[in-house]
Structures are given as structure tokens and as C-alpha cells.
């Protein structure tokens, strides 16, 4: 909230943040600054234990609710095949 969106890695007393102020998906920084910050974020996520090849790209695709199958969003679990949220209490 404080940074108004973007990508972040936070642990102990350390914080790394890449702001994405343009629609929450683009930065207004130059490509070199952005690439350096993204590399640092990616490396930090892996050092923290992520086994994913591209942890932040994976998180970005989780938010695309139109991609089929189950997706996790800020509103809950979304069924892309039936295009509706899953009522976990009805299972």
C-alpha cells in the first residue's frame, strides 16, 4: 500500500521494491534501472527459497483470471473453465 503497487521482496530488515506506477504493470524508470532492480528481486526470491525459475512472472500470471483452470486472485479461487469464483464452502 505504501509503495502503491509493484514487485517487492521483504525479509528481516531488508526491503527491495520495483515500483510499477503505470497501471500497476509498467514502470516509469529507464530499462537499465528496471532490469537491475528486477534481477535483484529475482535473485532475492530464489535465495529466500523459491524453486521457481521466474518467481515474479509466475505470480503475475496467477492474476490473469482468463487463463483456463484454477487461478488464485485477491478475491479467491477462480475457475477459468467455468468463468466463476469457486465457492469453497460448497465443496
N, C-alpha and C. Protein backbone atom coordinates (compact mmCIF):
# COMPACT_ATOMS: atom_id res chain seq x y z
N UNK A 1 0.83 -1.18 0.00
CA UNK A 1 0.00 0.00 0.00
C UNK A 1 0.88 1.25 0.00
N UNK A 2 1.87 1.21 0.84
CA UNK A 2 2.77 2.36 0.96
C UNK A 2 3.45 2.68 -0.36
N UNK A 3 3.81 1.64 -1.13
CA UNK A 3 4.51 1.83 -2.39
C UNK A 3 3.58 1.93 -3.59
N UNK A 4 2.28 1.76 -3.36
CA UNK A 4 1.27 1.88 -4.41
C UNK A 4 1.48 0.88 -5.54
N UNK A 5 1.83 -0.35 -5.19
CA UNK A 5 1.97 -1.40 -6.19
C UNK A 5 3.39 -1.64 -6.63
N UNK A 6 3.58 -2.70 -7.36
CA UNK A 6 4.90 -3.06 -7.85
C UNK A 6 5.29 -4.44 -7.39
N UNK A 7 6.56 -4.74 -7.50
CA UNK A 7 7.10 -6.03 -7.07
C UNK A 7 7.99 -5.79 -5.86
N UNK A 8 7.89 -6.66 -4.87
CA UNK A 8 8.67 -6.47 -3.65
C UNK A 8 9.18 -7.79 -3.09
N UNK A 9 10.29 -7.69 -2.41
CA UNK A 9 10.82 -8.80 -1.61
C UNK A 9 11.15 -8.18 -0.25
N UNK A 10 10.61 -8.78 0.80
CA UNK A 10 10.80 -8.24 2.15
C UNK A 10 11.16 -9.39 3.08
N UNK A 11 12.25 -9.23 3.81
CA UNK A 11 12.63 -10.22 4.83
C UNK A 11 13.50 -9.53 5.85
N UNK A 12 13.35 -9.99 7.09
CA UNK A 12 14.05 -9.38 8.22
C UNK A 12 13.95 -7.86 8.13
N UNK A 13 15.06 -7.18 8.07
CA UNK A 13 15.01 -5.71 7.99
C UNK A 13 15.31 -5.21 6.58
N UNK A 14 15.25 -6.10 5.60
CA UNK A 14 15.59 -5.74 4.23
C UNK A 14 14.36 -5.65 3.35
N UNK A 15 14.31 -4.62 2.49
CA UNK A 15 13.20 -4.44 1.56
C UNK A 15 13.74 -4.05 0.20
N UNK A 16 13.25 -4.74 -0.82
CA UNK A 16 13.59 -4.39 -2.20
C UNK A 16 12.27 -4.18 -2.92
N UNK A 17 12.15 -3.07 -3.64
CA UNK A 17 10.88 -2.77 -4.29
C UNK A 17 11.11 -2.19 -5.68
N UNK A 18 10.38 -2.72 -6.65
CA UNK A 18 10.38 -2.18 -8.00
C UNK A 18 9.00 -1.56 -8.22
N UNK A 19 8.90 -0.24 -8.19
CA UNK A 19 7.60 0.41 -8.38
C UNK A 19 7.05 0.18 -9.79
N UNK A 20 5.75 -0.04 -9.89
CA UNK A 20 5.06 -0.17 -11.17
C UNK A 20 3.87 0.79 -11.17
N UNK A 21 4.14 2.10 -11.25
CA UNK A 21 3.09 3.10 -11.08
C UNK A 21 2.15 3.26 -12.26
N UNK A 22 2.50 2.75 -13.42
CA UNK A 22 1.65 2.92 -14.60
C UNK A 22 0.71 1.73 -14.71
N UNK A 23 -0.48 1.89 -14.19
CA UNK A 23 -1.48 0.84 -14.23
C UNK A 23 -1.14 -0.38 -13.41
N UNK A 24 -0.12 -0.28 -12.57
CA UNK A 24 0.28 -1.41 -11.76
C UNK A 24 1.04 -2.48 -12.52
N UNK A 25 1.34 -2.22 -13.79
CA UNK A 25 2.04 -3.22 -14.60
C UNK A 25 3.26 -2.68 -15.33
N UNK A 26 3.45 -1.36 -15.30
CA UNK A 26 4.60 -0.77 -16.01
C UNK A 26 5.30 0.24 -15.11
N UNK A 27 6.58 0.43 -15.39
CA UNK A 27 7.36 1.39 -14.63
C UNK A 27 7.64 2.63 -15.46
N UNK A 28 7.98 3.70 -14.79
CA UNK A 28 8.39 4.92 -15.49
C UNK A 28 9.91 5.11 -15.41
N UNK A 29 10.61 4.10 -14.89
CA UNK A 29 12.06 4.15 -14.81
C UNK A 29 12.67 3.65 -16.12
N UNK A 30 13.95 3.98 -16.35
CA UNK A 30 14.56 3.51 -17.59
C UNK A 30 14.83 2.00 -17.51
N UNK A 31 15.07 1.41 -18.67
CA UNK A 31 15.21 -0.05 -18.78
C UNK A 31 16.37 -0.59 -17.97
N UNK A 32 17.47 0.14 -17.89
CA UNK A 32 18.64 -0.34 -17.15
C UNK A 32 18.36 -0.40 -15.65
N UNK A 33 17.74 0.64 -15.11
CA UNK A 33 17.37 0.65 -13.68
C UNK A 33 16.38 -0.48 -13.39
N UNK A 34 15.41 -0.62 -14.27
CA UNK A 34 14.37 -1.63 -14.08
C UNK A 34 14.96 -3.03 -14.12
N UNK A 35 15.82 -3.30 -15.09
CA UNK A 35 16.44 -4.62 -15.22
C UNK A 35 17.30 -4.94 -14.00
N UNK A 36 18.06 -3.97 -13.52
CA UNK A 36 18.92 -4.20 -12.35
C UNK A 36 18.07 -4.51 -11.11
N UNK A 37 17.01 -3.77 -10.92
CA UNK A 37 16.14 -3.99 -9.75
C UNK A 37 15.42 -5.34 -9.87
N UNK A 38 14.97 -5.67 -11.09
CA UNK A 38 14.27 -6.94 -11.29
C UNK A 38 15.22 -8.12 -11.04
N UNK A 39 16.45 -8.02 -11.52
CA UNK A 39 17.44 -9.08 -11.28
C UNK A 39 17.69 -9.27 -9.78
N UNK A 40 17.77 -8.17 -9.04
CA UNK A 40 17.97 -8.23 -7.60
C UNK A 40 16.77 -8.88 -6.92
N UNK A 41 15.57 -8.52 -7.34
CA UNK A 41 14.36 -9.13 -6.79
C UNK A 41 14.31 -10.63 -7.08
N UNK A 42 14.60 -11.00 -8.31
CA UNK A 42 14.57 -12.40 -8.72
C UNK A 42 15.58 -13.21 -7.92
N UNK A 43 16.80 -12.71 -7.82
CA UNK A 43 17.85 -13.40 -7.07
C UNK A 43 17.47 -13.51 -5.60
N UNK A 44 16.90 -12.45 -5.04
CA UNK A 44 16.49 -12.47 -3.63
C UNK A 44 15.42 -13.51 -3.37
N UNK A 45 14.43 -13.60 -4.25
CA UNK A 45 13.36 -14.59 -4.08
C UNK A 45 13.93 -16.00 -4.09
N UNK A 46 14.88 -16.24 -4.96
CA UNK A 46 15.50 -17.57 -5.04
C UNK A 46 16.35 -17.86 -3.81
N UNK A 47 17.07 -16.86 -3.33
CA UNK A 47 17.86 -17.04 -2.10
C UNK A 47 16.97 -17.28 -0.89
N UNK A 48 15.76 -16.74 -0.93
CA UNK A 48 14.80 -16.93 0.16
C UNK A 48 14.12 -18.30 0.09
N UNK A 49 14.38 -19.05 -1.00
CA UNK A 49 13.86 -20.41 -1.07
C UNK A 49 12.93 -20.72 -2.23
N UNK A 50 12.64 -19.77 -3.09
CA UNK A 50 11.77 -20.06 -4.23
C UNK A 50 12.47 -21.03 -5.17
N UNK A 51 11.76 -22.08 -5.56
CA UNK A 51 12.29 -23.05 -6.51
C UNK A 51 11.82 -22.74 -7.93
N UNK A 52 11.05 -21.67 -8.08
CA UNK A 52 10.53 -21.30 -9.39
C UNK A 52 11.61 -20.67 -10.26
N UNK A 53 11.56 -20.93 -11.54
CA UNK A 53 12.52 -20.35 -12.47
C UNK A 53 12.37 -18.83 -12.53
N UNK A 54 11.13 -18.37 -12.55
CA UNK A 54 10.83 -16.94 -12.62
C UNK A 54 9.71 -16.62 -11.62
N UNK A 55 10.04 -16.47 -10.33
CA UNK A 55 9.01 -16.31 -9.30
C UNK A 55 8.04 -15.15 -9.53
N UNK A 56 8.52 -14.01 -9.96
CA UNK A 56 7.63 -12.86 -10.11
C UNK A 56 6.79 -12.96 -11.37
N UNK A 57 7.30 -13.59 -12.42
CA UNK A 57 6.48 -13.83 -13.62
C UNK A 57 5.38 -14.83 -13.29
N UNK A 58 5.70 -15.84 -12.49
CA UNK A 58 4.69 -16.82 -12.09
C UNK A 58 3.57 -16.14 -11.32
N UNK A 59 3.93 -15.26 -10.39
CA UNK A 59 2.91 -14.52 -9.64
C UNK A 59 2.08 -13.63 -10.55
N UNK A 60 2.70 -13.02 -11.53
CA UNK A 60 1.98 -12.16 -12.46
C UNK A 60 0.92 -12.95 -13.23
N UNK A 61 1.27 -14.16 -13.66
CA UNK A 61 0.31 -14.96 -14.41
C UNK A 61 -0.81 -15.50 -13.53
N UNK A 62 -0.57 -15.66 -12.25
CA UNK A 62 -1.64 -16.10 -11.35
C UNK A 62 -2.81 -15.13 -11.34
N UNK A 63 -2.53 -13.87 -11.58
CA UNK A 63 -3.57 -12.85 -11.54
C UNK A 63 -4.39 -12.78 -12.83
N UNK A 64 -3.94 -13.42 -13.90
CA UNK A 64 -4.68 -13.40 -15.16
C UNK A 64 -5.81 -14.43 -15.09
N UNK A 65 -6.98 -13.97 -14.70
CA UNK A 65 -8.09 -14.89 -14.45
C UNK A 65 -8.66 -15.51 -15.71
N UNK A 66 -8.33 -14.99 -16.88
CA UNK A 66 -8.88 -15.55 -18.11
C UNK A 66 -8.11 -16.77 -18.60
N UNK A 67 -6.95 -17.06 -18.03
CA UNK A 67 -6.21 -18.26 -18.41
C UNK A 67 -6.92 -19.45 -17.76
N UNK A 68 -7.20 -20.50 -18.54
CA UNK A 68 -8.01 -21.62 -18.04
C UNK A 68 -7.45 -22.31 -16.80
N UNK A 69 -8.34 -23.03 -16.20
CA UNK A 69 -8.14 -23.82 -15.00
C UNK A 69 -8.25 -22.94 -13.76
N UNK A 70 -7.71 -23.38 -12.67
CA UNK A 70 -7.85 -22.65 -11.42
C UNK A 70 -6.79 -21.57 -11.25
N UNK A 71 -7.20 -20.41 -10.81
CA UNK A 71 -6.29 -19.28 -10.57
C UNK A 71 -6.59 -18.70 -9.20
N UNK A 72 -5.56 -18.23 -8.55
CA UNK A 72 -5.71 -17.59 -7.25
C UNK A 72 -5.69 -16.08 -7.45
N UNK A 73 -6.69 -15.39 -6.95
CA UNK A 73 -6.76 -13.93 -7.09
C UNK A 73 -6.94 -13.30 -5.71
N UNK A 74 -6.99 -11.99 -5.69
CA UNK A 74 -7.22 -11.28 -4.43
C UNK A 74 -8.65 -11.48 -3.94
N UNK A 75 -9.54 -12.01 -4.78
CA UNK A 75 -10.92 -12.26 -4.39
C UNK A 75 -11.19 -13.74 -4.13
N UNK A 76 -10.18 -14.59 -4.30
CA UNK A 76 -10.36 -16.01 -4.03
C UNK A 76 -9.95 -16.87 -5.21
N UNK A 77 -10.38 -18.12 -5.19
CA UNK A 77 -10.04 -19.10 -6.22
C UNK A 77 -11.01 -18.94 -7.39
N UNK A 78 -10.45 -18.84 -8.61
CA UNK A 78 -11.25 -18.60 -9.81
C UNK A 78 -11.16 -19.78 -10.75
N UNK A 79 -12.31 -20.27 -11.22
CA UNK A 79 -12.40 -21.37 -12.16
C UNK A 79 -12.48 -20.78 -13.57
N UNK A 80 -11.36 -20.81 -14.30
CA UNK A 80 -11.31 -20.22 -15.63
C UNK A 80 -12.11 -20.99 -16.66
N UNK A 81 -12.32 -22.29 -16.45
CA UNK A 81 -13.09 -23.08 -17.40
C UNK A 81 -14.57 -22.69 -17.36
N UNK A 82 -15.09 -22.45 -16.16
CA UNK A 82 -16.50 -22.08 -15.99
C UNK A 82 -16.69 -20.58 -15.77
N UNK A 83 -15.59 -19.84 -15.74
CA UNK A 83 -15.55 -18.39 -15.59
C UNK A 83 -16.38 -17.91 -14.39
N UNK A 84 -16.03 -18.46 -13.23
CA UNK A 84 -16.69 -18.04 -11.97
C UNK A 84 -15.77 -18.34 -10.80
N UNK A 85 -16.01 -17.65 -9.71
CA UNK A 85 -15.25 -17.92 -8.50
C UNK A 85 -15.75 -19.20 -7.85
N UNK A 86 -14.86 -19.93 -7.23
CA UNK A 86 -15.19 -21.19 -6.59
C UNK A 86 -15.68 -20.91 -5.18
N UNK A 87 -16.86 -21.46 -4.86
CA UNK A 87 -17.39 -21.35 -3.51
C UNK A 87 -16.82 -22.50 -2.70
N UNK A 88 -15.76 -22.22 -1.94
CA UNK A 88 -15.07 -23.28 -1.19
C UNK A 88 -15.95 -23.89 -0.12
N UNK A 89 -16.95 -23.16 0.33
CA UNK A 89 -17.83 -23.71 1.38
C UNK A 89 -18.86 -24.66 0.80
N UNK A 90 -19.02 -24.66 -0.52
CA UNK A 90 -19.99 -25.54 -1.16
C UNK A 90 -19.36 -26.88 -1.55
N UNK A 91 -18.05 -27.00 -1.39
CA UNK A 91 -17.38 -28.25 -1.81
C UNK A 91 -17.66 -29.39 -0.88
